[in-house]
Protein backbone atom coordinates (compact mmCIF):
# COMPACT_ATOMS: atom_id res chain seq x y z
CA MET A 1 46.27 -82.25 -82.03
CA ILE A 2 49.04 -79.71 -81.55
CA ILE A 3 47.27 -77.17 -83.75
CA SER A 4 44.07 -77.83 -81.87
CA GLY A 5 45.84 -77.27 -78.56
CA ILE A 6 47.30 -73.96 -79.72
CA SER A 7 43.91 -72.83 -80.98
CA TYR A 8 42.30 -73.71 -77.65
CA SER A 9 44.99 -71.80 -75.75
CA ARG A 10 44.47 -68.74 -77.90
CA GLN A 11 40.73 -68.91 -77.34
CA GLN A 12 41.32 -69.07 -73.58
CA ALA A 13 43.71 -66.09 -73.72
CA LEU A 14 41.23 -64.14 -75.79
CA ALA A 15 38.37 -64.92 -73.42
CA LYS A 16 40.47 -63.78 -70.44
CA LEU A 17 41.38 -60.60 -72.30
CA GLN A 18 37.74 -59.85 -73.13
CA LYS A 19 36.71 -60.49 -69.54
CA LYS A 20 39.39 -58.09 -68.27
CA ILE A 21 38.34 -55.40 -70.76
CA SER A 22 34.71 -55.91 -69.73
CA GLN A 23 35.72 -55.37 -66.08
CA TYR A 24 37.52 -52.14 -66.96
CA ARG A 25 34.49 -50.91 -68.83
CA GLN A 26 32.26 -51.68 -65.86
CA GLN A 27 34.66 -49.78 -63.56
CA VAL A 28 34.58 -46.80 -65.92
CA ASP A 29 30.77 -46.82 -66.10
CA GLU A 30 30.53 -46.91 -62.33
CA ALA A 31 32.97 -44.04 -61.90
CA LEU A 32 31.20 -42.01 -64.59
CA GLY A 33 27.94 -42.35 -62.69
CA HIS A 34 29.65 -41.07 -59.51
CA THR A 35 31.20 -38.18 -61.40
CA ALA A 36 27.87 -37.24 -62.92
CA LEU A 37 26.35 -37.00 -59.43
CA LEU A 38 29.23 -34.96 -58.01
CA LEU A 39 28.98 -32.51 -60.88
CA LYS A 40 25.45 -31.84 -59.76
CA VAL A 41 26.06 -31.49 -56.02
CA ASP A 42 29.74 -30.78 -55.35
CA PRO A 43 31.00 -27.19 -55.91
CA ASP A 44 34.56 -28.35 -55.39
CA TYR A 45 36.60 -30.12 -58.08
CA GLN A 46 39.20 -32.16 -56.26
CA LEU A 47 37.22 -35.33 -55.79
CA ILE A 48 35.67 -34.96 -59.24
CA THR A 49 39.11 -34.61 -60.77
CA HIS A 50 40.41 -37.60 -58.85
CA LEU A 51 37.58 -39.85 -60.11
CA GLN A 52 37.99 -38.53 -63.63
CA ALA A 53 41.74 -39.32 -63.56
CA PHE A 54 40.83 -42.87 -62.50
CA ILE A 55 38.48 -43.09 -65.52
CA VAL A 56 41.19 -41.92 -67.88
CA ASN A 57 43.80 -44.31 -66.41
CA THR A 58 41.41 -47.25 -66.61
CA LEU A 59 40.56 -46.47 -70.22
CA GLN A 60 44.25 -46.19 -71.09
CA ILE A 61 44.82 -49.67 -69.74
CA ALA A 62 41.87 -51.01 -71.69
CA ASN A 63 43.04 -49.22 -74.82
CA LYS A 64 46.53 -50.86 -74.53
CA LEU A 65 44.88 -54.28 -74.15
CA SER A 66 42.59 -53.67 -77.17
CA PRO A 67 44.03 -50.88 -79.37
CA GLN A 68 41.73 -51.79 -82.24
CA ASP A 69 38.58 -51.08 -80.17
CA GLN A 70 37.34 -47.75 -81.55
CA ILE A 71 34.73 -47.32 -78.83
CA ILE A 72 37.36 -47.45 -76.10
CA PHE A 73 39.63 -45.15 -78.08
CA ASP A 74 36.92 -42.57 -78.66
CA ASN A 75 35.80 -42.71 -74.99
CA LEU A 76 39.38 -42.24 -73.85
CA ARG A 77 39.73 -39.12 -75.99
CA ILE A 78 36.45 -37.68 -74.60
CA GLN A 79 37.34 -38.43 -70.97
CA LYS A 80 40.82 -36.91 -71.34
CA GLN A 81 39.13 -33.74 -72.56
CA ARG A 82 36.74 -33.73 -69.61
CA LEU A 83 39.65 -34.23 -67.19
CA ASN A 84 41.33 -31.14 -68.55
CA GLU A 85 38.08 -29.21 -68.14
CA PHE A 86 37.70 -30.28 -64.53
CA LYS A 87 41.32 -29.31 -63.81
CA GLU A 88 40.33 -25.83 -65.09
CA ASN A 89 37.24 -25.83 -62.82
CA LYS A 90 34.86 -26.03 -65.77
CA ARG A 91 31.47 -27.81 -65.90
CA GLU A 92 28.39 -27.49 -68.05
CA ASN A 93 25.83 -27.38 -65.24
CA GLN A 94 25.16 -25.37 -62.10
CA VAL A 95 25.46 -27.07 -58.71
CA ILE A 96 22.08 -27.72 -57.11
CA GLU A 97 21.53 -26.56 -53.52
CA PHE A 98 18.65 -28.87 -52.48
CA PHE A 99 16.44 -31.71 -53.60
CA GLU A 100 12.70 -31.38 -54.06
CA THR A 101 11.76 -34.87 -52.76
CA GLU A 102 12.80 -37.26 -50.00
CA THR A 103 13.34 -39.95 -52.65
CA GLU A 104 15.98 -37.88 -54.44
CA LEU A 105 17.66 -37.11 -51.13
CA ASN A 106 17.80 -40.82 -50.19
CA GLN A 107 19.23 -41.70 -53.60
CA LEU A 108 21.95 -39.14 -53.06
CA LYS A 109 22.88 -40.62 -49.67
CA SER A 110 22.96 -44.12 -51.18
CA GLN A 111 25.25 -43.08 -54.04
CA ILE A 112 27.51 -41.11 -51.71
CA GLY A 113 27.85 -44.33 -49.69
CA GLN A 114 28.91 -46.09 -52.90
CA ILE A 115 31.49 -43.42 -53.67
CA SER A 116 32.86 -43.79 -50.12
CA LYS A 117 33.22 -47.58 -50.63
CA LEU A 118 35.06 -46.95 -53.90
CA LEU A 119 37.45 -44.59 -52.13
CA ASP A 120 38.08 -47.35 -49.58
CA ILE A 121 39.01 -49.71 -52.41
CA TYR A 122 41.46 -47.14 -53.83
CA ARG A 123 42.99 -46.73 -50.38
CA ASN A 124 43.31 -50.47 -49.81
CA ARG A 125 45.02 -50.84 -53.19
CA GLY A 126 47.50 -48.14 -52.24
CA GLU A 127 46.16 -45.84 -54.98
CA LEU A 128 44.89 -43.25 -52.48
CA SER A 129 46.63 -42.04 -49.31
CA ILE A 130 44.89 -42.42 -45.97
CA ASP A 131 44.87 -38.65 -45.51
CA LYS A 132 43.22 -38.02 -48.87
CA SER A 133 40.75 -40.85 -48.33
CA ASN A 134 39.73 -39.35 -44.98
CA ALA A 135 39.50 -35.88 -46.46
CA PHE A 136 37.35 -37.03 -49.38
CA ASN A 137 35.05 -39.02 -47.08
CA THR A 138 34.67 -35.99 -44.78
CA HIS A 139 33.86 -33.89 -47.87
CA LEU A 140 31.18 -36.36 -48.95
CA THR A 141 29.66 -36.22 -45.44
CA GLU A 142 29.54 -32.41 -45.67
CA ILE A 143 27.84 -32.53 -49.05
CA SER A 144 25.18 -34.89 -47.77
CA LEU A 145 24.67 -32.79 -44.66
CA GLU A 146 24.31 -29.47 -46.53
CA LEU A 147 21.93 -30.91 -49.08
CA THR A 148 19.81 -32.53 -46.40
CA ILE A 149 19.53 -29.32 -44.40
CA ASN A 150 18.88 -27.18 -47.46
CA SER A 151 16.25 -29.65 -48.69
CA HIS A 152 14.34 -29.36 -45.42
CA MET A 153 14.67 -25.56 -45.51
CA ASN A 154 13.30 -25.54 -49.07
CA GLN A 155 10.29 -27.61 -47.99
CA ALA A 156 9.80 -25.22 -45.06
CA ARG A 157 9.88 -22.29 -47.50
CA LYS A 158 7.25 -23.91 -49.69
CA CYS A 159 4.99 -24.56 -46.69
CA GLY A 160 5.56 -20.96 -45.60
CA GLU A 161 4.40 -19.70 -48.99
CA LYS A 162 1.18 -21.66 -48.45
CA ASN A 163 0.96 -20.24 -44.91
CA ASN A 164 1.03 -23.73 -43.46
CA ALA A 165 2.64 -23.02 -40.09
CA THR A 166 2.45 -26.60 -38.84
CA MET A 167 4.34 -28.12 -41.75
CA TYR A 168 6.68 -25.12 -41.85
CA GLN A 169 7.72 -25.73 -38.26
CA MET A 170 8.02 -29.48 -38.84
CA HIS A 171 10.58 -29.04 -41.63
CA ILE A 172 12.55 -26.49 -39.56
CA LYS A 173 12.61 -28.96 -36.69
CA GLN A 174 13.80 -31.71 -39.07
CA ALA A 175 16.63 -29.46 -40.28
CA ARG A 176 17.56 -28.69 -36.67
CA GLU A 177 17.61 -32.38 -35.77
CA VAL A 178 19.96 -33.08 -38.70
CA VAL A 179 22.33 -30.40 -37.41
CA LYS A 180 22.15 -31.79 -33.88
CA LYS A 181 23.13 -35.25 -35.06
CA SER A 182 25.91 -34.00 -37.36
CA SER A 183 29.62 -34.04 -36.72
CA LEU A 184 29.94 -30.30 -37.25
CA GLU A 185 32.43 -28.38 -35.16
CA GLU A 186 30.77 -27.57 -31.85
CA ASN A 187 30.61 -23.78 -32.23
CA GLU A 188 29.29 -24.09 -35.77
CA LYS A 189 26.72 -26.69 -34.69
CA ASN A 190 25.50 -24.47 -31.85
CA ARG A 191 25.29 -21.45 -34.14
CA ARG A 192 23.05 -23.28 -36.64
CA ILE A 193 20.89 -24.80 -33.92
CA LYS A 194 20.39 -21.35 -32.43
CA GLU A 195 19.40 -19.84 -35.77
CA LEU A 196 16.88 -22.58 -36.43
CA THR A 197 15.48 -22.35 -32.91
CA ASN A 198 15.10 -18.59 -33.29
CA ILE A 199 13.00 -19.13 -36.43
CA LEU A 200 10.74 -21.54 -34.57
CA ASN A 201 10.44 -19.20 -31.56
CA ASN A 202 9.52 -16.30 -33.83
CA VAL A 203 6.69 -18.30 -35.35
CA LYS A 204 5.38 -19.27 -31.91
CA LYS A 205 5.53 -15.68 -30.66
CA THR A 206 4.08 -13.91 -33.65
CA ASN A 207 2.12 -16.71 -35.31
CA LYS A 208 3.58 -15.39 -38.53
CA ILE A 209 5.90 -17.01 -41.10
CA VAL A 210 8.81 -15.00 -42.43
CA ILE A 211 9.95 -16.61 -45.66
CA ASP A 212 13.12 -14.51 -45.75
CA ASP A 213 14.32 -16.30 -42.63
CA THR A 214 14.57 -19.65 -44.39
CA GLU A 215 16.07 -18.17 -47.56
CA LYS A 216 18.67 -16.21 -45.60
CA LEU A 217 19.65 -19.26 -43.60
CA THR A 218 19.94 -21.42 -46.70
CA SER A 219 22.05 -18.80 -48.43
CA GLU A 220 24.42 -18.50 -45.48
CA LYS A 221 24.95 -22.24 -45.36
CA ASN A 222 25.70 -22.46 -49.05
CA THR A 223 28.33 -19.74 -48.84
CA GLU A 224 30.30 -21.64 -46.25
CA GLY A 225 33.32 -23.39 -47.79
CA ASN A 226 33.21 -27.04 -48.65
CA LYS A 227 36.78 -27.02 -49.83
CA ILE A 228 39.24 -29.81 -49.15
CA ASN A 229 42.74 -28.74 -48.21
CA PHE A 230 45.72 -31.03 -48.50
């Protein structure tokens, strides 16, 4: 009976250990998905590096709990290497400036919301300062805003290439509405609204579409800094 009791206790302890390791793996997978998205849309590296550091730390804990697990060990080695690359501002892909479809844009907004919730968890645990949490969330909002505006401008450009003035103006108006509802600094908001309004007025006056207007505006927006300063 004593031996049976010891065996049962060991089984319970092993089950708890496996459950904890499984939770760590799930946390890593979730963070890896967020990092993959940010590598596509975020030209800055601070939030990417922060998430990658969380991935490495979580894998280190899992590796200590299960040092014989080769999969965890190999993944830890790979993620450490990636963390060093991000600290050196290195990535394998170029940052995209817009999405081609509304579905992709909505998926981006949904995942950014998930990242924001994860940052709140870090903050509540005391693993992230309130200032950094606020800065990261502001940064995420800026990413979503710029991609939304640029995506509308890209659609406007495509309609312009087809000489579809109605749809061209519709997408410009959508971009302008996004700017109006944004939390941009007032002078910056007014500047962008004015630029978009000028494009619409030019179409109404001349009944001609100037593709360069949308490309120039998109380029100017993309060159504005999305950096986070601490």
